[in-house]
C-alpha atoms as a PDB file:
ATOM      1  CA  MET A   1      14.949   1.521  -1.196  1.00  0.00           C
ATOM      2  CA  ILE A   2      12.483   4.412  -0.957  1.00  0.00           C
ATOM      3  CA  HIS A   3      10.650   3.299  -4.081  1.00  0.00           C
ATOM      4  CA  CYS A   4      10.261  -0.210  -2.660  1.00  0.00           C
ATOM      5  CA  LEU A   5       8.642   1.129   0.516  1.00  0.00           C
ATOM      6  CA  GLU A   6       6.324   3.407  -1.435  1.00  0.00           C
ATOM      7  CA  LYS A   7       5.305   0.538  -3.719  1.00  0.00           C
ATOM      8  CA  VAL A   8       4.192  -1.525  -0.719  1.00  0.00           C
ATOM      9  CA  ARG A   9       2.043   1.384   0.500  1.00  0.00           C
ATOM     10  CA  GLU A  10       0.567   1.834  -2.977  1.00  0.00           C
ATOM     11  CA  THR A  11      -0.208  -1.781  -3.828  1.00  0.00           C
ATOM     12  CA  ASN A  12      -1.241  -3.170  -0.401  1.00  0.00           C
ATOM     13  CA  PRO A  13       0.043  -6.706  -1.153  1.00  0.00           C
ATOM     14  CA  LEU A  14      -1.927  -9.581   0.351  1.00  0.00           C
ATOM     15  CA  VAL A  15       0.455 -12.070   1.975  1.00  0.00           C
ATOM     16  CA  HIS A  16      -0.412 -15.616   3.003  1.00  0.00           C
ATOM     17  CA  ASN A  17       1.558 -16.616   6.100  1.00  0.00           C
ATOM     18  CA  ILE A  18       2.103 -20.153   7.283  1.00  0.00           C
ATOM     19  CA  THR A  19       4.018 -19.023  10.282  1.00  0.00           C
ATOM     20  CA  ASN A  20       5.085 -19.450  13.875  1.00  0.00           C
ATOM     21  CA  TYR A  21       2.231 -19.743  16.390  1.00  0.00           C
ATOM     22  CA  VAL A  22       4.386 -17.884  18.922  1.00  0.00           C
ATOM     23  CA  THR A  23       4.642 -14.776  16.729  1.00  0.00           C
ATOM     24  CA  VAL A  24       1.681 -14.919  14.357  1.00  0.00           C
ATOM     25  CA  ASN A  25      -0.066 -11.856  15.795  1.00  0.00           C
ATOM     26  CA  ASP A  26       3.048  -9.702  15.585  1.00  0.00           C
ATOM     27  CA  VAL A  27       3.667 -10.821  11.997  1.00  0.00           C
ATOM     28  CA  ALA A  28       0.131  -9.752  11.095  1.00  0.00           C
ATOM     29  CA  ASN A  29       0.546  -6.364  12.768  1.00  0.00           C
ATOM     30  CA  VAL A  30       3.895  -5.694  11.090  1.00  0.00           C
ATOM     31  CA  LEU A  31       2.351  -6.450   7.709  1.00  0.00           C
ATOM     32  CA  LEU A  32      -0.489  -4.035   8.424  1.00  0.00           C
ATOM     33  CA  ALA A  33       1.995  -1.427   9.634  1.00  0.00           C
ATOM     34  CA  CYS A  34       4.062  -1.524   6.444  1.00  0.00           C
ATOM     35  CA  GLY A  35       1.009  -1.264   4.196  1.00  0.00           C
ATOM     36  CA  GLY A  36       0.453  -4.924   3.415  1.00  0.00           C
ATOM     37  CA  SER A  37      -2.432  -7.224   4.307  1.00  0.00           C
ATOM     38  CA  PRO A  38      -1.978 -10.509   6.186  1.00  0.00           C
ATOM     39  CA  ILE A  39      -3.837 -13.787   5.905  1.00  0.00           C
ATOM     40  CA  MET A  40      -2.909 -16.732   8.128  1.00  0.00           C
ATOM     41  CA  SER A  41      -3.792 -20.325   7.275  1.00  0.00           C
ATOM     42  CA  ASP A  42      -1.986 -23.666   7.553  1.00  0.00           C
ATOM     43  CA  GLU A  43      -4.906 -26.116   7.160  1.00  0.00           C
ATOM     44  CA  PRO A  44      -4.088 -28.329   4.137  1.00  0.00           C
ATOM     45  CA  GLU A  45      -7.675 -28.179   2.846  1.00  0.00           C
ATOM     46  CA  ASP A  46      -7.621 -24.371   3.008  1.00  0.00           C
ATOM     47  CA  VAL A  47      -4.177 -23.243   1.911  1.00  0.00           C
ATOM     48  CA  ALA A  48      -4.461 -23.634  -1.871  1.00  0.00           C
ATOM     49  CA  ASP A  49      -7.518 -21.387  -2.038  1.00  0.00           C
ATOM     50  CA  ILE A  50      -5.930 -18.833   0.315  1.00  0.00           C
ATOM     51  CA  THR A  51      -2.659 -18.769  -1.614  1.00  0.00           C
ATOM     52  CA  ALA A  52      -4.559 -18.315  -4.860  1.00  0.00           C
ATOM     53  CA  ILE A  53      -6.018 -14.972  -3.750  1.00  0.00           C
ATOM     54  CA  CYS A  54      -2.722 -13.655  -2.372  1.00  0.00           C
ATOM     55  CA  GLY A  55       0.327 -12.229  -4.103  1.00  0.00           C
ATOM     56  CA  GLY A  56       2.932 -13.654  -1.744  1.00  0.00           C
ATOM     57  CA  LEU A  57       3.496 -16.666   0.503  1.00  0.00           C
ATOM     58  CA  CYS A  58       5.682 -16.652   3.623  1.00  0.00           C
ATOM     59  CA  ILE A  59       6.585 -20.121   4.938  1.00  0.00           C
ATOM     60  CA  ASN A  60       8.009 -20.103   8.469  1.00  0.00           C
ATOM     61  CA  ILE A  61       8.872 -23.448  10.112  1.00  0.00           C
ATOM     62  CA  GLY A  62       9.066 -22.119  13.661  1.00  0.00           C
ATOM     63  CA  THR A  63       6.289 -24.308  15.109  1.00  0.00           C
ATOM     64  CA  LEU A  64       6.171 -27.381  12.907  1.00  0.00           C
ATOM     65  CA  ASN A  65       3.685 -30.221  12.886  1.00  0.00           C
ATOM     66  CA  GLN A  66       2.834 -32.782  10.243  1.00  0.00           C
ATOM     67  CA  ARG A  67      -0.393 -31.000   9.269  1.00  0.00           C
ATOM     68  CA  SER A  68       1.324 -27.654   8.788  1.00  0.00           C
ATOM     69  CA  ILE A  69       4.152 -29.284   6.800  1.00  0.00           C
ATOM     70  CA  GLU A  70       1.565 -30.721   4.417  1.00  0.00           C
ATOM     71  CA  GLY A  71      -0.033 -27.272   4.188  1.00  0.00           C
ATOM     72  CA  MET A  72       3.325 -25.688   3.371  1.00  0.00           C
ATOM     73  CA  LYS A  73       3.887 -28.069   0.472  1.00  0.00           C
ATOM     74  CA  ILE A  74       0.398 -27.577  -0.960  1.00  0.00           C
ATOM     75  CA  ALA A  75       0.585 -23.786  -0.637  1.00  0.00           C
ATOM     76  CA  GLY A  76       4.091 -23.668  -2.091  1.00  0.00           C
ATOM     77  CA  ALA A  77       3.066 -25.713  -5.125  1.00  0.00           C
ATOM     78  CA  LYS A  78       0.065 -23.454  -5.716  1.00  0.00           C
ATOM     79  CA  ALA A  79       2.159 -20.287  -5.351  1.00  0.00           C
ATOM     80  CA  ASN A  80       4.721 -21.627  -7.836  1.00  0.00           C
ATOM     81  CA  GLU A  81       1.937 -22.550 -10.254  1.00  0.00           C
ATOM     82  CA  LEU A  82       0.613 -18.982 -10.108  1.00  0.00           C
ATOM     83  CA  GLY A  83       4.027 -17.300 -10.170  1.00  0.00           C
ATOM     84  CA  HIS A  84       3.611 -15.747  -6.733  1.00  0.00           C
ATOM     85  CA  THR A  85       6.436 -14.602  -4.470  1.00  0.00           C
ATOM     86  CA  VAL A  86       7.502 -17.313  -2.007  1.00  0.00           C
ATOM     87  CA  LEU A  87       9.819 -16.855   0.996  1.00  0.00           C
ATOM     88  CA  LEU A  88      11.250 -19.480   3.332  1.00  0.00           C
ATOM     89  CA  ASP A  89      12.180 -18.751   6.945  1.00  0.00           C
ATOM     90  CA  PRO A  90      13.954 -21.939   8.151  1.00  0.00           C
ATOM     91  CA  VAL A  91      13.542 -21.206  11.864  1.00  0.00           C
ATOM     92  CA  GLY A  92      15.736 -23.465  13.988  1.00  0.00           C
ATOM     93  CA  ALA A  93      17.189 -25.468  11.099  1.00  0.00           C
ATOM     94  CA  GLY A  94      20.027 -27.387  12.704  1.00  0.00           C
ATOM     95  CA  ALA A  95      18.328 -27.609  16.099  1.00  0.00           C
ATOM     96  CA  SER A  96      16.436 -30.817  15.287  1.00  0.00           C
ATOM     97  CA  ALA A  97      16.290 -33.397  12.527  1.00  0.00           C
ATOM     98  CA  LEU A  98      12.646 -32.534  11.789  1.00  0.00           C
ATOM     99  CA  ARG A  99      13.385 -28.843  11.270  1.00  0.00           C
ATOM    100  CA  THR A 100      16.484 -29.449   9.186  1.00  0.00           C
ATOM    101  CA  ASN A 101      14.922 -32.156   7.021  1.00  0.00           C
ATOM    102  CA  THR A 102      11.725 -30.167   6.527  1.00  0.00           C
ATOM    103  CA  ALA A 103      13.599 -27.064   5.390  1.00  0.00           C
ATOM    104  CA  ILE A 104      15.730 -29.061   2.962  1.00  0.00           C
ATOM    105  CA  ASP A 105      12.685 -30.927   1.641  1.00  0.00           C
ATOM    106  CA  LEU A 106      10.824 -27.668   1.082  1.00  0.00           C
ATOM    107  CA  MET A 107      13.807 -26.248  -0.803  1.00  0.00           C
ATOM    108  CA  GLU A 108      13.807 -29.321  -3.045  1.00  0.00           C
ATOM    109  CA  THR A 109      10.087 -29.198  -3.826  1.00  0.00           C
ATOM    110  CA  ILE A 110       9.274 -25.462  -3.860  1.00  0.00           C
ATOM    111  CA  LYS A 111      10.920 -22.675  -5.880  1.00  0.00           C
ATOM    112  CA  PHE A 112      11.669 -19.900  -3.416  1.00  0.00           C
ATOM    113  CA  ASP A 113      12.342 -16.281  -4.323  1.00  0.00           C
ATOM    114  CA  VAL A 114      13.964 -15.526  -0.962  1.00  0.00           C
ATOM    115  CA  ILE A 115      15.409 -17.539   1.908  1.00  0.00           C
ATOM    116  CA  ARG A 116      15.798 -15.496   5.103  1.00  0.00           C
ATOM    117  CA  GLY A 117      17.535 -16.821   8.174  1.00  0.00           C
ATOM    118  CA  ASN A 118      20.313 -16.315  10.673  1.00  0.00           C
ATOM    119  CA  VAL A 119      23.859 -17.499  10.079  1.00  0.00           C
ATOM    120  CA  SER A 120      23.389 -20.858  11.826  1.00  0.00           C
ATOM    121  CA  GLU A 121      20.231 -21.701   9.880  1.00  0.00           C
ATOM    122  CA  LEU A 122      21.707 -20.797   6.509  1.00  0.00           C
ATOM    123  CA  LYS A 123      24.923 -22.713   7.192  1.00  0.00           C
ATOM    124  CA  THR A 124      22.830 -25.753   8.038  1.00  0.00           C
ATOM    125  CA  LEU A 125      20.961 -25.508   4.739  1.00  0.00           C
ATOM    126  CA  ALA A 126      24.146 -24.914   2.751  1.00  0.00           C
ATOM    127  CA  PHE A 127      26.373 -27.520   4.396  1.00  0.00           C
ATOM    128  CA  GLY A 128      23.932 -29.940   6.007  1.00  0.00           C
ATOM    129  CA  ALA A 129      25.152 -29.095   9.506  1.00  0.00           C
ATOM    130  CA  GLY A 130      25.394 -26.069  11.758  1.00  0.00           C
ATOM    131  CA  THR A 131      25.154 -24.886  15.332  1.00  0.00           C
ATOM    132  CA  THR A 132      22.066 -23.344  16.871  1.00  0.00           C
ATOM    133  CA  LYS A 133      20.795 -22.518  20.329  1.00  0.00           C
ATOM    134  CA  GLY A 134      17.126 -23.421  20.093  1.00  0.00           C
ATOM    135  CA  VAL A 135      15.828 -21.180  17.331  1.00  0.00           C
ATOM    136  CA  ASP A 136      18.596 -18.591  17.837  1.00  0.00           C
ATOM    137  CA  ALA A 137      21.959 -18.351  16.128  1.00  0.00           C
ATOM    138  CA  ASP A 138      24.912 -19.670  18.062  1.00  0.00           C
ATOM    139  CA  THR A 139      27.208 -16.869  19.200  1.00  0.00           C
ATOM    140  CA  ALA A 140      30.018 -18.619  17.330  1.00  0.00           C
ATOM    141  CA  ASP A 141      28.067 -17.980  14.134  1.00  0.00           C
ATOM    142  CA  ALA A 142      28.152 -14.235  13.534  1.00  0.00           C
ATOM    143  CA  VAL A 143      29.009 -11.855  10.730  1.00  0.00           C
ATOM    144  CA  THR A 144      31.791  -9.563  11.909  1.00  0.00           C
ATOM    145  CA  GLU A 145      34.000  -6.973  10.256  1.00  0.00           C
ATOM    146  CA  GLU A 146      36.818  -9.526  10.405  1.00  0.00           C
ATOM    147  CA  ASN A 147      34.989 -12.270   8.476  1.00  0.00           C
ATOM    148  CA  LEU A 148      32.798 -10.000   6.352  1.00  0.00           C
ATOM    149  CA  ASP A 149      34.478 -10.751   3.008  1.00  0.00           C
ATOM    150  CA  ARG A 150      34.186 -14.486   3.591  1.00  0.00           C
ATOM    151  CA  MET A 151      30.532 -14.259   4.624  1.00  0.00           C
ATOM    152  CA  VAL A 152      29.664 -12.084   1.615  1.00  0.00           C
ATOM    153  CA  ALA A 153      31.228 -14.723  -0.620  1.00  0.00           C
ATOM    154  CA  PHE A 154      29.219 -17.419   1.195  1.00  0.00           C
ATOM    155  CA  VAL A 155      25.828 -15.741   0.712  1.00  0.00           C
ATOM    156  CA  LYS A 156      26.548 -14.984  -2.944  1.00  0.00           C
ATOM    157  CA  ASP A 157      27.540 -18.595  -3.538  1.00  0.00           C
ATOM    158  CA  PHE A 158      24.445 -19.892  -1.724  1.00  0.00           C
ATOM    159  CA  ALA A 159      22.270 -17.495  -3.744  1.00  0.00           C
ATOM    160  CA  HIS A 160      23.841 -18.853  -6.929  1.00  0.00           C
ATOM    161  CA  LYS A 161      23.248 -22.476  -5.908  1.00  0.00           C
ATOM    162  CA  THR A 162      19.635 -21.898  -4.857  1.00  0.00           C
ATOM    163  CA  ASP A 163      18.819 -19.365  -7.591  1.00  0.00           C
ATOM    164  CA  CYS A 164      17.169 -17.053  -5.106  1.00  0.00           C
ATOM    165  CA  VAL A 165      17.884 -14.067  -2.884  1.00  0.00           C
ATOM    166  CA  ILE A 166      19.581 -14.977   0.396  1.00  0.00           C
ATOM    167  CA  ALA A 167      19.000 -12.718   3.404  1.00  0.00           C
ATOM    168  CA  MET A 168      21.319 -13.461   6.323  1.00  0.00           C
ATOM    169  CA  THR A 169      20.318 -11.372   9.316  1.00  0.00           C
ATOM    170  CA  GLY A 170      22.205 -10.620  12.502  1.00  0.00           C
ATOM    171  CA  ALA A 171      24.378  -7.835  13.898  1.00  0.00           C
ATOM    172  CA  ILE A 172      25.431  -7.121  10.306  1.00  0.00           C
ATOM    173  CA  ASP A 173      22.829  -8.079   7.703  1.00  0.00           C
ATOM    174  CA  LEU A 174      23.729  -9.479   4.290  1.00  0.00           C
ATOM    175  CA  VAL A 175      21.211  -9.613   1.440  1.00  0.00           C
ATOM    176  CA  ALA A 176      22.550 -11.091  -1.771  1.00  0.00           C
ATOM    177  CA  ASP A 177      21.944 -12.616  -5.129  1.00  0.00           C
ATOM    178  CA  ALA A 178      24.699 -14.369  -7.058  1.00  0.00           C
ATOM    179  CA  GLU A 179      26.333 -11.100  -8.121  1.00  0.00           C
ATOM    180  CA  LYS A 180      25.619  -8.383  -5.547  1.00  0.00           C
ATOM    181  CA  CYS A 181      25.365  -8.152  -1.798  1.00  0.00           C
ATOM    182  CA  TYR A 182      23.882  -5.428   0.382  1.00  0.00           C
ATOM    183  CA  VAL A 183      25.797  -5.058   3.642  1.00  0.00           C
ATOM    184  CA  ILE A 184      23.374  -3.407   6.079  1.00  0.00           C
ATOM    185  CA  ARG A 185      24.293  -1.924   9.434  1.00  0.00           C
ATOM    186  CA  ASN A 186      21.024  -0.991  11.099  1.00  0.00           C
ATOM    187  CA  GLY A 187      19.176  -2.250  14.164  1.00  0.00           C
ATOM    188  CA  ARG A 188      19.834  -2.617  17.871  1.00  0.00           C
ATOM    189  CA  PRO A 189      21.114  -5.593  19.901  1.00  0.00           C
ATOM    190  CA  GLU A 190      18.029  -5.217  22.117  1.00  0.00           C
ATOM    191  CA  MET A 191      15.915  -6.467  19.189  1.00  0.00           C
ATOM    192  CA  GLY A 192      17.127  -9.926  20.179  1.00  0.00           C
ATOM    193  CA  LYS A 193      15.176  -9.578  23.445  1.00  0.00           C
ATOM    194  CA  ILE A 194      11.884  -9.590  21.535  1.00  0.00           C
ATOM    195  CA  THR A 195      10.480 -12.925  20.445  1.00  0.00           C
ATOM    196  CA  GLY A 196       9.886 -13.021  16.714  1.00  0.00           C
ATOM    197  CA  THR A 197      11.659 -10.043  15.183  1.00  0.00           C
ATOM    198  CA  GLY A 198      12.973 -12.452  12.559  1.00  0.00           C
ATOM    199  CA  CYS A 199       9.479 -13.803  11.897  1.00  0.00           C
ATOM    200  CA  GLN A 200       8.188 -10.249  11.578  1.00  0.00           C
ATOM    201  CA  LEU A 201      10.975  -9.421   9.129  1.00  0.00           C
ATOM    202  CA  SER A 202      10.128 -12.447   6.990  1.00  0.00           C
ATOM    203  CA  GLY A 203       6.513 -11.318   6.684  1.00  0.00           C
ATOM    204  CA  LEU A 204       7.639  -7.762   5.951  1.00  0.00           C
ATOM    205  CA  MET A 205      10.123  -8.984   3.353  1.00  0.00           C
ATOM    206  CA  THR A 206       7.491 -11.082   1.606  1.00  0.00           C
ATOM    207  CA  ALA A 207       5.313  -7.996   1.251  1.00  0.00           C
ATOM    208  CA  PHE A 208       8.204  -5.938  -0.121  1.00  0.00           C
ATOM    209  CA  VAL A 209       9.205  -8.548  -2.707  1.00  0.00           C
ATOM    210  CA  THR A 210       5.573  -9.142  -3.682  1.00  0.00           C
ATOM    211  CA  ALA A 211       5.109  -5.413  -4.287  1.00  0.00           C
ATOM    212  CA  ASN A 212       8.412  -5.140  -6.206  1.00  0.00           C
ATOM    213  CA  PRO A 213       8.661  -8.365  -8.244  1.00  0.00           C
ATOM    214  CA  ASP A 214      11.178  -6.929 -10.720  1.00  0.00           C
ATOM    215  CA  GLN A 215      13.548  -5.771  -7.953  1.00  0.00           C
ATOM    216  CA  LYS A 216      13.663  -8.749  -5.599  1.00  0.00           C
ATOM    217  CA  LEU A 217      17.147  -8.091  -4.254  1.00  0.00           C
ATOM    218  CA  LYS A 218      16.569  -4.398  -3.621  1.00  0.00           C
ATOM    219  CA  ALA A 219      13.133  -5.075  -2.132  1.00  0.00           C
ATOM    220  CA  ALA A 220      14.500  -7.685   0.279  1.00  0.00           C
ATOM    221  CA  ALA A 221      17.278  -5.316   1.321  1.00  0.00           C
ATOM    222  CA  ALA A 222      14.793  -2.472   1.757  1.00  0.00           C
ATOM    223  CA  ALA A 223      12.733  -4.615   4.125  1.00  0.00           C
ATOM    224  CA  VAL A 224      15.833  -5.329   6.224  1.00  0.00           C
ATOM    225  CA  CYS A 225      16.617  -1.609   6.352  1.00  0.00           C
ATOM    226  CA  VAL A 226      13.053  -0.735   7.372  1.00  0.00           C
ATOM    227  CA  MET A 227      13.133  -3.289  10.181  1.00  0.00           C
ATOM    228  CA  GLY A 228      16.550  -2.162  11.395  1.00  0.00           C
ATOM    229  CA  VAL A 229      15.662   1.528  11.292  1.00  0.00           C
ATOM    230  CA  ALA A 230      12.410   0.777  13.131  1.00  0.00           C
ATOM    231  CA  GLY A 231      14.449  -0.986  15.798  1.00  0.00           C
ATOM    232  CA  GLU A 232      16.581   2.124  16.240  1.00  0.00           C
ATOM    233  CA  ILE A 233      13.628   4.526  16.281  1.00  0.00           C
ATOM    234  CA  GLY A 234      11.637   2.292  18.611  1.00  0.00           C
ATOM    235  CA  TYR A 235      14.549   2.122  21.041  1.00  0.00           C
ATOM    236  CA  ARG A 236      14.961   5.899  21.019  1.00  0.00           C
ATOM    237  CA  ASN A 237      11.266   6.293  21.809  1.00  0.00           C
ATOM    238  CA  LEU A 238      11.285   4.054  24.884  1.00  0.00           C
ATOM    239  CA  LYS A 239      10.334   5.788  28.108  1.00  0.00           C
ATOM    240  CA  ASP A 240      11.643   5.149  31.616  1.00  0.00           C
ATOM    241  CA  GLY A 241      10.331   1.870  32.989  1.00  0.00           C
ATOM    242  CA  GLU A 242       9.502   0.378  29.590  1.00  0.00           C
ATOM    243  CA  GLY A 243      10.998  -2.949  28.548  1.00  0.00           C
ATOM    244  CA  ASN A 244      10.880  -5.458  25.735  1.00  0.00           C
ATOM    245  CA  ALA A 245       7.071  -5.600  25.467  1.00  0.00           C
ATOM    246  CA  SER A 246       6.886  -1.835  24.962  1.00  0.00           C
ATOM    247  CA  TYR A 247       9.858  -2.028  22.605  1.00  0.00           C
ATOM    248  CA  ARG A 248       7.964  -4.479  20.360  1.00  0.00           C
ATOM    249  CA  ASN A 249       5.046  -2.060  20.115  1.00  0.00           C
ATOM    250  CA  ARG A 250       7.279   0.939  19.460  1.00  0.00           C
ATOM    251  CA  MET A 251       9.018  -0.929  16.646  1.00  0.00           C
ATOM    252  CA  ILE A 252       5.707  -1.716  14.987  1.00  0.00           C
ATOM    253  CA  ASP A 253       4.652   1.921  15.428  1.00  0.00           C
ATOM    254  CA  ALA A 254       7.926   3.022  13.816  1.00  0.00           C
ATOM    255  CA  ILE A 255       7.191   0.845  10.790  1.00  0.00           C
ATOM    256  CA  TYR A 256       3.668   2.271  10.610  1.00  0.00           C
ATOM    257  CA  HIS A 257       5.050   5.824  10.546  1.00  0.00           C
ATOM    258  CA  MET A 258       8.086   5.090   8.354  1.00  0.00           C
ATOM    259  CA  ASP A 259       8.366   7.464   5.439  1.00  0.00           C
ATOM    260  CA  ALA A 260      10.820   8.014   2.613  1.00  0.00           C
ATOM    261  CA  ALA A 261      12.683  10.760   4.460  1.00  0.00           C
ATOM    262  CA  ALA A 262      13.298   8.637   7.561  1.00  0.00           C
ATOM    263  CA  LEU A 263      14.406   5.635   5.531  1.00  0.00           C
ATOM    264  CA  LYS A 264      16.743   7.720   3.368  1.00  0.00           C
ATOM    265  CA  ARG A 265      18.216   9.465   6.413  1.00  0.00           C
ATOM    266  CA  GLU A 266      18.712   6.444   8.654  1.00  0.00           C
ATOM    267  CA  ALA A 267      19.358   3.427   6.430  1.00  0.00           C
ATOM    268  CA  HIS A 268      23.056   2.481   6.442  1.00  0.00           C
ATOM    269  CA  TYR A 269      24.215   0.078   3.770  1.00  0.00           C
ATOM    270  CA  GLU A 270      26.854  -0.548   1.143  1.00  0.00           C
ATOM    271  CA  MET A 271      27.122  -2.793  -1.906  1.00  0.00           C
ATOM    272  CA  ARG A 272      29.759  -5.493  -2.289  1.00  0.00           C
END
């Protein structure tokens, strides 16, 4: 975990983001805070050149349109051609036919290293149907201590079928390949009151995997731990009268100041 964070700081990975218009600025700032460098472009005539100079590509379907979908496919093909890290964030898969079909189509045409989503989104991709509330997970879809063994088996199986790392984030986070699963218990429920913490995590995770290409599972899990720990530190640092806007800034500050000692002390995870 610590090594993965340090590697991001050392290598300053350049990440191309085709991401959510609602959260694009926060994604850029989180990448800068962790030690990466962001570039944002979804214009089809631009994306191949941009992807070519980057080490990683983060595809987020949060604000889809036909032009950006075309850009995603072109960028994904270029990233695969160059052997770059590619992550999919299937925001809202299950909420509309366009989102669901786009995510499935991207999975069929692009080789992803990581797919990161909430329980509802990943169930939709695995089974073709799921329940969402807009772009949020349905409360009926949650990883709990009671269903933990079953959900660990699910993410491992989905990782095996897709041949990539699966990161299922929520109250309990699961990050798995076909053989191993990190069960991570960091973060705060108040993080759900900030628009785009998932989008920020996807950008962060792309940087971590790009900087640690030989340790994709550990790097993805490290990114989840960093985000969760930052959520805890940011919440502790809130002052009287501050709300979710201040909380967003304090989380980004916590990532900026994150060091090996803090991550080692505050990350809570186990292997299954």
